[in-house]
């Protein structure tokens, strides 16, 4: 956990830039110190397991240091210190809700947050929003007057390079896994008080950025905060470049919606929040989907969870049941789920259920939540500042035996770059649409193997085998074809693992043992190949292939 927070004297360095004469003005020293103590006393009692990522000694030491620092800190620096204490707990649901104008700030909360005790405690927001694409940190959106900055790469913030700035905010970010960090870290880099308190920039009033424009030119820009609580909106690539937004961006504020791609015979469903609408329940929406699937020639269904930060996981049931019981859709190569860094909380739990109960293929990035994670956060308010802290109260255990797996990994990984964003592309959806309408299990396994590796490909196979409707002919063909594919690709370790499993599954058949022997020969293990072939001949004495291969091996002198 050393990378999650700074230990020892490192904590003091976070706020070392503070002026010697700095002191809180909105609240008194005594009031802030009381809030620090309240956090330290109440939060561990509320959390399901507060010291699973950080030791109690480390946490208590950090509390004591912040308590001692309060007389020399400004109010916003104390807020940063409190945010950091909460982040030490180490899960994505436990967080201090930053006191910001929620009209412009990023939030994945599903309930309102009470305001702080004094308007002087509100933090500001710069007139830009960032995204950490695969190729770097970029300006994703701006206020309309700064549209020329959309798509610019951020090279430096204040006196700090972009990569260093991301690491400097790490101790204050609440996240389950690295994808969650990539989603949230950029949202802290547009809060000037955090930039100043963490030593990224010197001045919270005006921040200098070094950028590379869309045209590739180096430039410097000075940005000041947006006036608080005034009507403001942000624009992105579609407005700045006058390009069509990809379908996935059409209705991001709608909790759920769908669109039929008639030419592709594909039903696209976007679930942005696992909650009912005021005028429609999620169950009623799912019933519509079922009617469309049964009434129209739908050959693929794409469920997009990439922008879903959660909601009520109990409402997932209607969707899981509908997809699981659909004989038309619940097949590998027909059902796809798009996931990414913002797939979190109840959306993660939906992904868990879909992975277990359906034949979906996951496409995109790893999810931003851990399949086994702390959640169901409850609010607590600090007594004087009235800042709100949300604290995880339940541990949700995934069905998978690997309790520590960090995320749901995509079967078909697809990245997302700034060029994709600026050209209005959606590579993950495009990858699904390129998949053949009719694809065999063997082909699915090969595609998944080439993109995600052996474990993902074999997991597709294991799920197919456990489907009561499984076509035994298709299973047999997949077992043989996938093994041959591994041999032809000269993937000997994977071929050995595959044929070892298959030979255990078909203990009375010779062909898996012959495949195993070929795999051992690829690994230059003739003795092991000989053992496998001798077993094959015992099972099937007339097997010509096994005899010929064994004779070939025995003609080759042993090494050494």
Protein backbone atom coordinates (compact mmCIF):
# COMPACT_ATOMS: atom_id res chain seq x y z
CA UNK A 1 0.00 0.00 0.00
CA UNK A 2 2.98 2.36 -0.09
CA UNK A 3 1.80 3.74 -3.41
CA UNK A 4 -1.62 4.64 -2.01
CA UNK A 5 -0.39 7.21 0.47
CA UNK A 6 2.75 8.86 1.70
CA UNK A 7 4.14 7.66 5.00
CA UNK A 8 6.15 9.33 7.72
CA UNK A 9 7.45 12.76 6.91
CA UNK A 10 6.11 12.44 3.38
CA UNK A 11 2.69 13.55 4.61
CA UNK A 12 4.10 16.87 5.68
CA UNK A 13 5.55 17.45 2.22
CA UNK A 14 2.07 17.46 0.73
CA UNK A 15 1.41 20.82 2.33
CA UNK A 16 4.97 22.10 2.61
CA UNK A 17 4.41 24.97 0.22
CA UNK A 18 2.05 26.71 2.68
CA UNK A 19 3.02 30.14 3.84
CA UNK A 20 4.45 30.31 7.32
CA UNK A 21 1.75 32.75 8.39
CA UNK A 22 -1.07 30.73 6.79
CA UNK A 23 -3.95 29.83 9.02
CA UNK A 24 -7.63 28.92 8.61
CA UNK A 25 -10.07 31.81 8.24
CA UNK A 26 -13.52 30.32 7.63
CA UNK A 27 -13.41 28.06 10.69
CA UNK A 28 -11.29 28.40 13.76
CA UNK A 29 -8.34 26.15 14.52
CA UNK A 30 -10.33 24.50 17.29
CA UNK A 31 -13.27 23.81 14.98
CA UNK A 32 -11.10 22.23 12.31
CA UNK A 33 -9.28 20.12 14.87
CA UNK A 34 -12.60 18.92 16.21
CA UNK A 35 -13.57 17.88 12.67
CA UNK A 36 -10.31 15.96 12.28
CA UNK A 37 -10.99 14.10 15.53
CA UNK A 38 -14.59 13.41 14.52
CA UNK A 39 -13.45 11.88 11.25
CA UNK A 40 -10.89 9.72 13.02
CA UNK A 41 -13.42 8.50 15.57
CA UNK A 42 -16.55 8.02 13.47
CA UNK A 43 -15.37 6.83 10.07
CA UNK A 44 -13.63 3.63 11.30
CA UNK A 45 -16.76 2.72 13.27
CA UNK A 46 -18.97 3.09 10.18
CA UNK A 47 -16.73 1.31 7.68
CA UNK A 48 -17.15 -2.42 7.16
CA UNK A 49 -13.40 -3.04 7.50
CA UNK A 50 -11.47 0.22 7.79
CA UNK A 51 -8.00 -1.23 8.19
CA UNK A 52 -7.92 -3.76 5.35
CA UNK A 53 -5.71 -1.52 3.17
CA UNK A 54 -4.00 0.66 5.76
CA UNK A 55 -2.95 -0.23 9.29
CA UNK A 56 -4.61 1.50 12.21
CA UNK A 57 -1.23 2.79 13.34
CA UNK A 58 -0.54 4.43 9.97
CA UNK A 59 -4.00 5.96 9.87
CA UNK A 60 -3.84 7.25 13.44
CA UNK A 61 -0.38 8.73 12.79
CA UNK A 62 -1.67 10.58 9.72
CA UNK A 63 -4.61 11.90 11.74
CA UNK A 64 -2.27 13.17 14.46
CA UNK A 65 -0.07 14.94 11.90
CA UNK A 66 -2.98 16.71 10.24
CA UNK A 67 -4.38 17.70 13.64
CA UNK A 68 -1.03 19.25 14.52
CA UNK A 69 -0.73 21.02 11.15
CA UNK A 70 -4.14 22.73 11.27
CA UNK A 71 -2.94 26.01 12.88
CA UNK A 72 -0.55 26.58 9.94
CA UNK A 73 -2.90 25.65 7.11
CA UNK A 74 -5.46 27.51 5.07
CA UNK A 75 -9.01 26.17 4.97
CA UNK A 76 -8.68 24.59 1.54
CA UNK A 77 -5.44 22.89 2.60
CA UNK A 78 -7.25 21.32 5.53
CA UNK A 79 -9.95 20.06 3.16
CA UNK A 80 -7.22 18.48 1.04
CA UNK A 81 -5.76 16.89 4.18
CA UNK A 82 -9.15 15.49 5.18
CA UNK A 83 -9.69 14.13 1.66
CA UNK A 84 -6.38 12.39 1.92
CA UNK A 85 -7.22 10.81 5.27
CA UNK A 86 -10.44 9.39 3.83
CA UNK A 87 -8.64 8.10 0.73
CA UNK A 88 -6.23 6.14 2.94
CA UNK A 89 -9.06 3.68 3.65
CA UNK A 90 -8.48 2.51 0.09
CA UNK A 91 -11.79 1.81 -1.59
CA UNK A 92 -13.72 3.59 -4.31
CA UNK A 93 -16.88 4.16 -2.31
CA UNK A 94 -15.29 5.74 0.77
CA UNK A 95 -14.65 9.38 -0.03
CA UNK A 96 -14.98 12.96 1.08
CA UNK A 97 -17.43 14.68 -1.26
CA UNK A 98 -15.61 17.81 -2.37
CA UNK A 99 -17.57 21.00 -1.64
CA UNK A 100 -18.09 22.11 -5.22
CA UNK A 101 -20.77 23.44 -7.51
CA UNK A 102 -22.17 20.11 -8.68
CA UNK A 103 -23.36 21.70 -11.91
CA UNK A 104 -19.77 21.58 -13.16
CA UNK A 105 -17.98 19.09 -10.88
CA UNK A 106 -17.67 15.37 -11.55
CA UNK A 107 -19.78 13.19 -9.30
CA UNK A 108 -21.00 9.62 -9.35
CA UNK A 109 -23.22 10.02 -6.30
CA UNK A 110 -26.87 8.97 -6.64
CA UNK A 111 -28.12 11.18 -3.83
CA UNK A 112 -27.64 14.85 -3.09
CA UNK A 113 -24.85 16.09 -0.86
CA UNK A 114 -25.64 18.71 1.81
CA UNK A 115 -23.73 21.98 1.45
CA UNK A 116 -20.81 22.84 3.72
CA UNK A 117 -21.34 25.10 6.72
CA UNK A 118 -20.00 28.21 4.95
CA UNK A 119 -19.84 29.21 1.29
CA UNK A 120 -16.20 30.11 1.88
CA UNK A 121 -15.44 26.38 1.99
CA UNK A 122 -16.50 25.77 -1.59
CA UNK A 123 -13.69 24.76 -3.91
CA UNK A 124 -13.33 26.11 -7.41
CA UNK A 125 -13.25 24.48 -10.82
CA UNK A 126 -11.12 25.45 -13.79
CA UNK A 127 -12.87 26.01 -17.15
CA UNK A 128 -11.58 22.69 -18.51
CA UNK A 129 -12.14 18.97 -18.00
CA UNK A 130 -9.43 16.40 -18.57
CA UNK A 131 -9.36 12.80 -19.75
CA UNK A 132 -6.54 10.33 -19.40
CA UNK A 133 -6.57 8.63 -22.80
CA UNK A 134 -4.26 5.78 -23.74
CA UNK A 135 -1.87 8.29 -25.31
CA UNK A 136 -1.75 10.81 -22.46
CA UNK A 137 -3.60 13.49 -20.50
CA UNK A 138 -5.78 15.69 -22.72
CA UNK A 139 -8.29 18.50 -22.43
CA UNK A 140 -11.58 16.76 -23.17
CA UNK A 141 -14.02 19.63 -22.63
CA UNK A 142 -13.91 23.37 -22.05
CA UNK A 143 -16.24 26.28 -21.56
CA UNK A 144 -17.39 27.64 -24.96
CA UNK A 145 -14.89 30.52 -24.97
CA UNK A 146 -11.98 28.04 -24.82
CA UNK A 147 -13.07 25.56 -27.49
CA UNK A 148 -9.73 25.94 -29.23
CA UNK A 149 -8.20 24.00 -26.32
CA UNK A 150 -10.35 20.90 -26.81
CA UNK A 151 -8.06 18.02 -27.76
CA UNK A 152 -4.87 19.69 -26.55
CA UNK A 153 -2.43 17.44 -24.73
CA UNK A 154 -1.53 18.58 -21.22
CA UNK A 155 2.23 18.52 -20.83
CA UNK A 156 2.66 20.49 -17.62
CA UNK A 157 0.45 21.89 -14.86
CA UNK A 158 2.00 24.73 -12.92
CA UNK A 159 5.53 23.60 -12.17
CA UNK A 160 4.79 19.87 -12.57
CA UNK A 161 4.75 17.56 -15.57
CA UNK A 162 1.44 15.88 -16.31
CA UNK A 163 2.70 12.43 -15.30
CA UNK A 164 4.10 13.79 -12.03
CA UNK A 165 0.88 15.68 -11.34
CA UNK A 166 -1.13 12.48 -11.68
CA UNK A 167 1.06 10.82 -9.06
CA UNK A 168 0.86 13.82 -6.76
CA UNK A 169 -2.93 13.55 -6.64
CA UNK A 170 -2.85 9.79 -6.09
CA UNK A 171 -2.89 10.07 -2.25
CA UNK A 172 -6.20 11.98 -2.32
CA UNK A 173 -8.00 9.82 -4.89
CA UNK A 174 -10.46 7.15 -3.74
CA UNK A 175 -10.37 4.10 -6.02
CA UNK A 176 -10.68 0.33 -6.13
CA UNK A 177 -8.18 -0.30 -8.91
CA UNK A 178 -5.89 1.45 -11.36
CA UNK A 179 -8.68 1.95 -13.90
CA UNK A 180 -10.68 3.74 -11.22
CA UNK A 181 -7.67 5.95 -10.57
CA UNK A 182 -7.40 6.78 -14.28
CA UNK A 183 -11.05 7.80 -14.26
CA UNK A 184 -10.92 9.95 -11.12
CA UNK A 185 -7.43 11.47 -11.02
CA UNK A 186 -8.11 13.95 -13.86
CA UNK A 187 -11.12 15.30 -11.95
CA UNK A 188 -8.82 16.44 -9.13
CA UNK A 189 -6.43 18.16 -11.54
CA UNK A 190 -9.04 20.80 -12.41
CA UNK A 191 -9.55 21.88 -8.79
CA UNK A 192 -7.06 24.74 -8.28
CA UNK A 193 -7.02 24.45 -4.49
CA UNK A 194 -5.83 20.85 -4.81
CA UNK A 195 -3.18 21.86 -7.31
CA UNK A 196 -1.83 24.45 -4.89
CA UNK A 197 -2.08 22.34 -1.74
CA UNK A 198 -0.34 19.38 -3.35
CA UNK A 199 2.49 21.49 -4.72
CA UNK A 200 1.52 21.00 -8.36
CA UNK A 201 0.96 24.73 -8.97
CA UNK A 202 1.94 27.73 -6.90
CA UNK A 203 -1.16 29.90 -7.20
CA UNK A 204 -4.74 28.66 -6.62
CA UNK A 205 -6.08 31.80 -8.30
CA UNK A 206 -4.41 31.35 -11.68
CA UNK A 207 -2.80 28.18 -13.04
CA UNK A 208 -0.35 27.94 -15.92
CA UNK A 209 -0.60 25.00 -18.32
CA UNK A 210 1.88 23.93 -20.96
CA UNK A 211 0.06 22.16 -23.76
CA UNK A 212 0.45 20.76 -27.24
CA UNK A 213 -2.41 22.00 -29.38
CA UNK A 214 -4.44 19.85 -31.75
CA UNK A 215 -2.18 21.14 -34.50
CA UNK A 216 0.93 20.00 -32.62
CA UNK A 217 2.19 23.44 -31.53
CA UNK A 218 3.58 24.03 -28.04
CA UNK A 219 1.77 26.72 -26.06
CA UNK A 220 1.22 28.11 -22.58
CA UNK A 221 -2.19 29.11 -21.23
CA UNK A 222 -3.20 30.70 -17.95
CA UNK A 223 -6.54 29.53 -16.56
CA UNK A 224 -8.62 31.03 -13.79
CA UNK A 225 -11.54 29.43 -12.00
CA UNK A 226 -15.11 29.52 -13.26
CA UNK A 227 -17.27 31.93 -11.22
CA UNK A 228 -19.19 29.82 -8.75
CA UNK A 229 -22.90 29.09 -9.04
CA UNK A 230 -23.44 30.74 -12.39
CA UNK A 231 -24.93 29.03 -15.38
CA UNK A 232 -22.13 27.37 -17.28
CA UNK A 233 -21.70 24.41 -19.57
CA UNK A 234 -18.89 22.52 -21.21
CA UNK A 235 -18.40 21.56 -24.83
CA UNK A 236 -16.38 18.71 -26.26
CA UNK A 237 -15.01 17.45 -29.55
CA UNK A 238 -18.31 17.30 -31.41
CA UNK A 239 -19.00 21.00 -30.82
CA UNK A 240 -15.42 22.22 -31.08
CA UNK A 241 -14.69 20.34 -34.32
CA UNK A 242 -18.22 20.21 -35.71
CA UNK A 243 -18.20 16.44 -36.00
CA UNK A 244 -20.92 13.89 -35.35
CA UNK A 245 -20.84 12.48 -31.83
CA UNK A 246 -20.60 8.68 -31.65
CA UNK A 247 -23.83 6.94 -30.70
CA UNK A 248 -22.52 6.18 -27.23
CA UNK A 249 -22.50 9.93 -26.50
CA UNK A 250 -26.02 10.69 -27.70
CA UNK A 251 -27.88 10.36 -24.39
CA UNK A 252 -25.33 10.13 -21.60
CA UNK A 253 -27.68 11.85 -19.12
CA UNK A 254 -30.47 9.37 -19.80
CA UNK A 255 -30.46 6.53 -17.28
CA UNK A 256 -31.24 3.96 -19.95
CA UNK A 257 -32.12 3.95 -23.63
CA UNK A 258 -31.71 1.85 -26.76
CA UNK A 259 -31.28 2.22 -30.48
CA UNK A 260 -31.80 -0.35 -33.21
CA UNK A 261 -29.10 -0.55 -35.86
CA UNK A 262 -31.24 -2.07 -38.55
CA UNK A 263 -28.54 -2.62 -41.15
CA UNK A 264 -26.35 -4.48 -38.64
CA UNK A 265 -29.37 -6.20 -37.02
CA UNK A 266 -27.91 -5.04 -33.71
CA UNK A 267 -29.77 -3.67 -30.71
CA UNK A 268 -27.63 -1.15 -28.81
CA UNK A 269 -28.68 -0.68 -25.16
CA UNK A 270 -27.02 1.90 -22.93
CA UNK A 271 -27.50 1.65 -19.17
CA UNK A 272 -25.99 4.75 -17.56
CA UNK A 273 -27.45 4.29 -14.09
CA UNK A 274 -28.89 1.25 -12.38
CA UNK A 275 -31.98 3.04 -11.13
CA UNK A 276 -35.57 3.57 -12.19
CA UNK A 277 -36.61 6.73 -14.01
CA UNK A 278 -39.40 8.88 -12.65
CA UNK A 279 -41.69 7.72 -15.46
CA UNK A 280 -40.33 4.25 -16.21
CA UNK A 281 -38.89 1.42 -14.18
CA UNK A 282 -35.82 -0.44 -15.30
CA UNK A 283 -37.91 -3.64 -15.34
CA UNK A 284 -40.41 -2.04 -17.75
CA UNK A 285 -37.53 -0.94 -19.97
CA UNK A 286 -36.15 -4.48 -19.99
CA UNK A 287 -39.59 -5.78 -21.00
CA UNK A 288 -39.40 -3.51 -24.06
CA UNK A 289 -36.01 -4.99 -24.94
CA UNK A 290 -37.43 -8.51 -24.70
CA UNK A 291 -40.29 -7.62 -27.04
CA UNK A 292 -37.88 -6.15 -29.59
CA UNK A 293 -35.58 -9.17 -29.46
CA UNK A 294 -38.46 -11.61 -30.01
CA UNK A 295 -40.28 -9.46 -32.57
CA UNK A 296 -37.45 -8.35 -34.83
CA UNK A 297 -34.45 -10.04 -36.50
CA UNK A 298 -31.96 -9.05 -33.78
CA UNK A 299 -28.71 -10.93 -34.26
CA UNK A 300 -26.59 -9.02 -31.73
CA UNK A 301 -27.32 -7.18 -28.54
CA UNK A 302 -24.75 -4.71 -27.20
CA UNK A 303 -25.14 -3.62 -23.57
CA UNK A 304 -23.08 -0.51 -22.84
CA UNK A 305 -22.03 -0.14 -19.18
CA UNK A 306 -19.03 2.10 -19.83
CA UNK A 307 -20.60 5.21 -18.29
CA UNK A 308 -22.51 3.56 -15.47
CA UNK A 309 -21.19 4.48 -11.99
CA UNK A 310 -23.79 2.34 -10.23
CA UNK A 311 -27.12 2.69 -8.49
CA UNK A 312 -29.34 0.01 -6.98
CA UNK A 313 -27.85 -3.40 -7.70
CA UNK A 314 -31.14 -5.15 -6.83
CA UNK A 315 -32.66 -3.63 -9.96
CA UNK A 316 -30.16 -5.54 -12.09
CA UNK A 317 -32.20 -8.72 -11.68
CA UNK A 318 -34.71 -8.00 -14.45
CA UNK A 319 -31.96 -7.43 -17.01
CA UNK A 320 -29.90 -10.46 -15.99
CA UNK A 321 -32.95 -12.74 -16.17
CA UNK A 322 -34.03 -11.39 -19.53
CA UNK A 323 -30.63 -11.87 -21.13
CA UNK A 324 -30.01 -15.26 -19.54
CA UNK A 325 -33.29 -16.74 -20.75
CA UNK A 326 -33.06 -15.41 -24.30
CA UNK A 327 -32.23 -18.36 -26.53
CA UNK A 328 -31.89 -15.96 -29.44
CA UNK A 329 -29.35 -13.61 -27.82
CA UNK A 330 -27.63 -15.47 -24.98
CA UNK A 331 -24.93 -17.02 -27.13
CA UNK A 332 -21.24 -16.28 -27.58
CA UNK A 333 -20.87 -13.96 -30.52
CA UNK A 334 -24.37 -12.51 -30.12
CA UNK A 335 -24.30 -10.87 -26.69
CA UNK A 336 -21.68 -8.23 -25.91
CA UNK A 337 -21.15 -6.03 -22.85
CA UNK A 338 -19.06 -2.87 -23.17
CA UNK A 339 -17.17 -2.03 -19.97
CA UNK A 340 -14.61 0.56 -18.93
CA UNK A 341 -13.07 2.64 -16.16
CA UNK A 342 -16.40 4.19 -15.17
CA UNK A 343 -18.15 0.82 -14.80
CA UNK A 344 -18.49 0.90 -11.04
CA UNK A 345 -20.52 -0.23 -8.02
CA UNK A 346 -23.93 -1.65 -9.08
CA UNK A 347 -22.74 -1.69 -12.70
CA UNK A 348 -19.80 -3.84 -11.60
CA UNK A 349 -22.18 -6.19 -9.82
CA UNK A 350 -24.24 -6.40 -13.00
CA UNK A 351 -21.06 -7.32 -14.88
CA UNK A 352 -20.39 -10.00 -12.24
CA UNK A 353 -23.81 -11.55 -12.80
CA UNK A 354 -23.60 -11.32 -16.57
CA UNK A 355 -20.22 -13.05 -16.50
CA UNK A 356 -21.61 -15.91 -14.43
CA UNK A 357 -25.13 -16.34 -15.81
CA UNK A 358 -24.83 -15.39 -19.47
CA UNK A 359 -22.63 -15.98 -22.49
CA UNK A 360 -21.69 -12.37 -22.95
CA UNK A 361 -18.31 -11.24 -24.22
CA UNK A 362 -16.85 -8.18 -22.49
CA UNK A 363 -15.37 -5.56 -24.78
CA UNK A 364 -13.42 -2.38 -23.99
CA UNK A 365 -11.28 -1.59 -20.96
CA UNK A 366 -11.10 -3.31 -17.57
CA UNK A 367 -13.83 -2.15 -15.23
CA UNK A 368 -13.22 0.65 -12.73
CA UNK A 369 -14.40 -1.38 -9.74
CA UNK A 370 -13.23 -4.61 -8.17
CA UNK A 371 -15.65 -7.56 -8.53
CA UNK A 372 -15.32 -8.06 -4.78
CA UNK A 373 -15.51 -4.63 -3.21
CA UNK A 374 -16.64 -2.47 -0.33
CA UNK A 375 -19.75 -0.43 -1.05
CA UNK A 376 -23.16 0.80 0.08
CA UNK A 377 -21.68 4.00 1.39
CA UNK A 378 -23.49 5.94 4.08
CA UNK A 379 -23.09 9.65 4.77
CA UNK A 380 -21.54 11.26 7.81
CA UNK A 381 -21.08 14.99 8.30
CA UNK A 382 -18.25 16.62 10.15
CA UNK A 383 -19.60 18.73 13.04
CA UNK A 384 -18.28 22.18 12.13
CA UNK A 385 -17.45 22.29 8.43
CA UNK A 386 -20.46 20.08 7.60
CA UNK A 387 -18.35 18.40 4.95
CA UNK A 388 -19.88 15.09 3.87
CA UNK A 389 -17.97 11.82 3.97
CA UNK A 390 -19.41 8.70 2.39
CA UNK A 391 -18.31 5.50 4.10
CA UNK A 392 -18.57 1.93 2.80
CA UNK A 393 -20.68 -0.24 5.09
CA UNK A 394 -20.94 -3.57 3.21
CA UNK A 395 -18.47 -5.93 1.58
CA UNK A 396 -19.86 -7.42 -1.62
CA UNK A 397 -18.20 -10.75 -2.41
CA UNK A 398 -17.97 -11.80 -6.04
CA UNK A 399 -18.83 -15.35 -7.12
CA UNK A 400 -15.32 -15.89 -8.49
CA UNK A 401 -12.79 -17.76 -6.37
CA UNK A 402 -10.20 -15.04 -6.91
CA UNK A 403 -11.31 -12.52 -4.30
CA UNK A 404 -8.41 -10.23 -5.12
CA UNK A 405 -8.91 -9.89 -8.87
CA UNK A 406 -8.79 -6.14 -9.46
CA UNK A 407 -11.43 -5.83 -12.17
CA UNK A 408 -13.50 -7.55 -14.79
CA UNK A 409 -11.10 -7.95 -17.68
CA UNK A 410 -12.42 -7.57 -21.22
CA UNK A 411 -12.48 -10.65 -23.43
CA UNK A 412 -11.79 -8.30 -26.32
CA UNK A 413 -9.61 -5.41 -25.04
CA UNK A 414 -10.05 -2.19 -26.99
CA UNK A 415 -8.24 1.02 -26.08
CA UNK A 416 -9.34 4.62 -26.52
CA UNK A 417 -7.01 7.37 -27.69
CA UNK A 418 -7.27 11.11 -28.13
CA UNK A 419 -7.39 10.57 -31.89
CA UNK A 420 -10.44 8.33 -31.45
CA UNK A 421 -12.12 11.04 -29.38
CA UNK A 422 -11.29 13.86 -31.77
CA UNK A 423 -12.52 11.91 -34.79
CA UNK A 424 -15.79 10.86 -33.17
CA UNK A 425 -14.91 7.17 -33.17
CA UNK A 426 -16.05 4.49 -30.74
CA UNK A 427 -13.46 1.70 -31.18
CA UNK A 428 -15.15 -0.68 -28.72
CA UNK A 429 -18.54 -0.55 -30.43
CA UNK A 430 -16.87 -0.69 -33.83
CA UNK A 431 -15.01 -3.84 -32.77
CA UNK A 432 -18.32 -5.51 -31.89
CA UNK A 433 -19.96 -4.48 -35.14
CA UNK A 434 -17.02 -5.94 -37.07
CA UNK A 435 -17.49 -9.33 -35.46
CA UNK A 436 -19.21 -11.77 -37.87
CA UNK A 437 -22.94 -12.17 -37.37
CA UNK A 438 -22.57 -15.95 -37.27
CA UNK A 439 -19.44 -17.13 -35.51
CA UNK A 440 -18.56 -20.54 -34.12
CA UNK A 441 -17.44 -21.19 -30.57
CA UNK A 442 -14.02 -22.18 -31.92
CA UNK A 443 -13.70 -18.84 -33.72
CA UNK A 444 -14.81 -16.92 -30.63
CA UNK A 445 -12.17 -18.69 -28.55
CA UNK A 446 -9.50 -17.90 -31.11
CA UNK A 447 -10.49 -14.23 -31.31
CA UNK A 448 -10.50 -13.91 -27.52
CA UNK A 449 -7.16 -15.72 -27.25
CA UNK A 450 -5.50 -13.39 -29.74
CA UNK A 451 -6.74 -10.31 -27.89
CA UNK A 452 -6.85 -11.35 -24.23
CA UNK A 453 -4.86 -14.55 -23.81
CA UNK A 454 -5.29 -18.14 -22.75
CA UNK A 455 -7.19 -17.65 -19.51
CA UNK A 456 -9.90 -15.56 -21.15
CA UNK A 457 -10.28 -17.97 -24.07
CA UNK A 458 -10.60 -21.01 -21.82
CA UNK A 459 -13.10 -19.18 -19.63
CA UNK A 460 -15.30 -18.76 -22.70
CA UNK A 461 -15.01 -22.51 -23.25
CA UNK A 462 -15.80 -23.43 -19.66
CA UNK A 463 -18.90 -21.23 -19.69
CA UNK A 464 -20.04 -22.79 -22.97
CA UNK A 465 -19.62 -26.32 -21.59
CA UNK A 466 -21.75 -25.44 -18.55
CA UNK A 467 -24.64 -24.21 -20.71
CA UNK A 468 -27.43 -26.81 -20.67
CA UNK A 469 -28.34 -25.80 -24.22
CA UNK A 470 -24.79 -26.32 -25.45
CA UNK A 471 -24.40 -27.90 -28.86
CA UNK A 472 -22.18 -30.93 -28.20
CA UNK A 473 -21.02 -30.93 -31.81
CA UNK A 474 -19.92 -27.30 -31.55
CA UNK A 475 -18.14 -28.04 -28.27
CA UNK A 476 -16.29 -31.01 -29.78
CA UNK A 477 -15.26 -28.95 -32.78
CA UNK A 478 -14.07 -26.08 -30.59
CA UNK A 479 -11.97 -28.42 -28.44
CA UNK A 480 -10.19 -29.85 -31.47
CA UNK A 481 -9.88 -26.62 -33.46
CA UNK A 482 -8.56 -24.58 -30.55
CA UNK A 483 -5.92 -27.19 -29.78
CA UNK A 484 -4.81 -27.30 -33.41
CA UNK A 485 -4.73 -23.52 -33.49
CA UNK A 486 -2.40 -23.42 -30.47
CA UNK A 487 -0.10 -26.00 -32.04
CA UNK A 488 0.05 -24.16 -35.36
CA UNK A 489 0.75 -20.91 -33.55
CA UNK A 490 3.51 -22.71 -31.63
CA UNK A 491 2.08 -21.68 -28.27
CA UNK A 492 3.49 -24.72 -26.52
CA UNK A 493 2.80 -23.85 -22.84
CA UNK A 494 -0.83 -23.03 -23.62
CA UNK A 495 -1.16 -26.09 -25.86
CA UNK A 496 0.16 -28.31 -23.07
CA UNK A 497 -2.29 -26.80 -20.60
CA UNK A 498 -5.17 -27.17 -23.06
CA UNK A 499 -4.55 -30.78 -24.03
CA UNK A 500 -3.83 -31.73 -20.40
CA UNK A 501 -7.31 -30.52 -19.52
CA UNK A 502 -8.97 -32.13 -22.54
CA UNK A 503 -7.24 -35.47 -21.98
CA UNK A 504 -8.66 -35.46 -18.46
CA UNK A 505 -12.10 -34.70 -19.85
CA UNK A 506 -11.93 -37.51 -22.43
CA UNK A 507 -10.05 -40.21 -20.56
CA UNK A 508 -10.99 -42.96 -23.01
CA UNK A 509 -9.96 -41.14 -26.19
CA UNK A 510 -6.56 -40.99 -27.83
CA UNK A 511 -6.70 -37.72 -29.79
CA UNK A 512 -6.17 -35.38 -26.79
CA UNK A 513 -3.07 -37.37 -25.81
CA UNK A 514 -1.71 -37.11 -29.34
CA UNK A 515 -2.26 -33.35 -29.17
CA UNK A 516 -0.51 -33.28 -25.79
CA UNK A 517 2.43 -35.17 -27.26
CA UNK A 518 2.72 -32.65 -30.11
CA UNK A 519 2.67 -29.82 -27.59
CA UNK A 520 5.46 -31.45 -25.57
CA UNK A 521 7.49 -31.85 -28.75
CA UNK A 522 7.10 -28.13 -29.39
CA UNK A 523 8.62 -27.62 -25.94
CA UNK A 524 11.41 -30.05 -26.77
CA UNK A 525 10.21 -32.58 -24.20
CA UNK A 526 10.37 -35.90 -26.11
CA UNK A 527 10.18 -38.05 -22.98
CA UNK A 528 6.88 -36.48 -21.92
CA UNK A 529 5.61 -36.77 -25.50
CA UNK A 530 6.53 -40.48 -25.46
CA UNK A 531 4.55 -41.06 -22.26
CA UNK A 532 1.49 -39.37 -23.77
CA UNK A 533 1.71 -41.39 -26.98
CA UNK A 534 2.14 -44.68 -25.18
CA UNK A 535 -1.05 -43.94 -23.23
CA UNK A 536 -2.82 -43.08 -26.48
CA UNK A 537 -1.77 -46.42 -28.03
CA UNK A 538 -2.95 -48.31 -24.95
CA UNK A 539 -6.37 -46.71 -25.42
CA UNK A 540 -6.41 -47.17 -29.17
CA UNK A 541 -3.85 -49.77 -30.31
CA UNK A 542 -4.62 -49.26 -33.99
CA UNK A 543 -4.12 -45.51 -33.97
CA UNK A 544 -1.80 -44.93 -36.91
CA UNK A 545 -0.97 -41.31 -36.07
CA UNK A 546 0.14 -42.14 -32.53
CA UNK A 547 2.33 -45.02 -33.72
CA UNK A 548 4.00 -43.00 -36.47
CA UNK A 549 4.71 -40.08 -34.16
CA UNK A 550 6.12 -42.39 -31.48
CA UNK A 551 8.36 -44.09 -34.05
CA UNK A 552 9.64 -40.70 -35.20
CA UNK A 553 10.52 -39.72 -31.63
CA UNK A 554 12.41 -42.97 -30.96
CA UNK A 555 14.58 -42.42 -34.05
CA UNK A 556 15.75 -39.10 -32.68
CA UNK A 557 18.67 -39.52 -30.26
CA UNK A 558 18.10 -38.12 -26.80
CA UNK A 559 19.86 -34.83 -26.04
CA UNK A 560 22.94 -34.94 -23.83
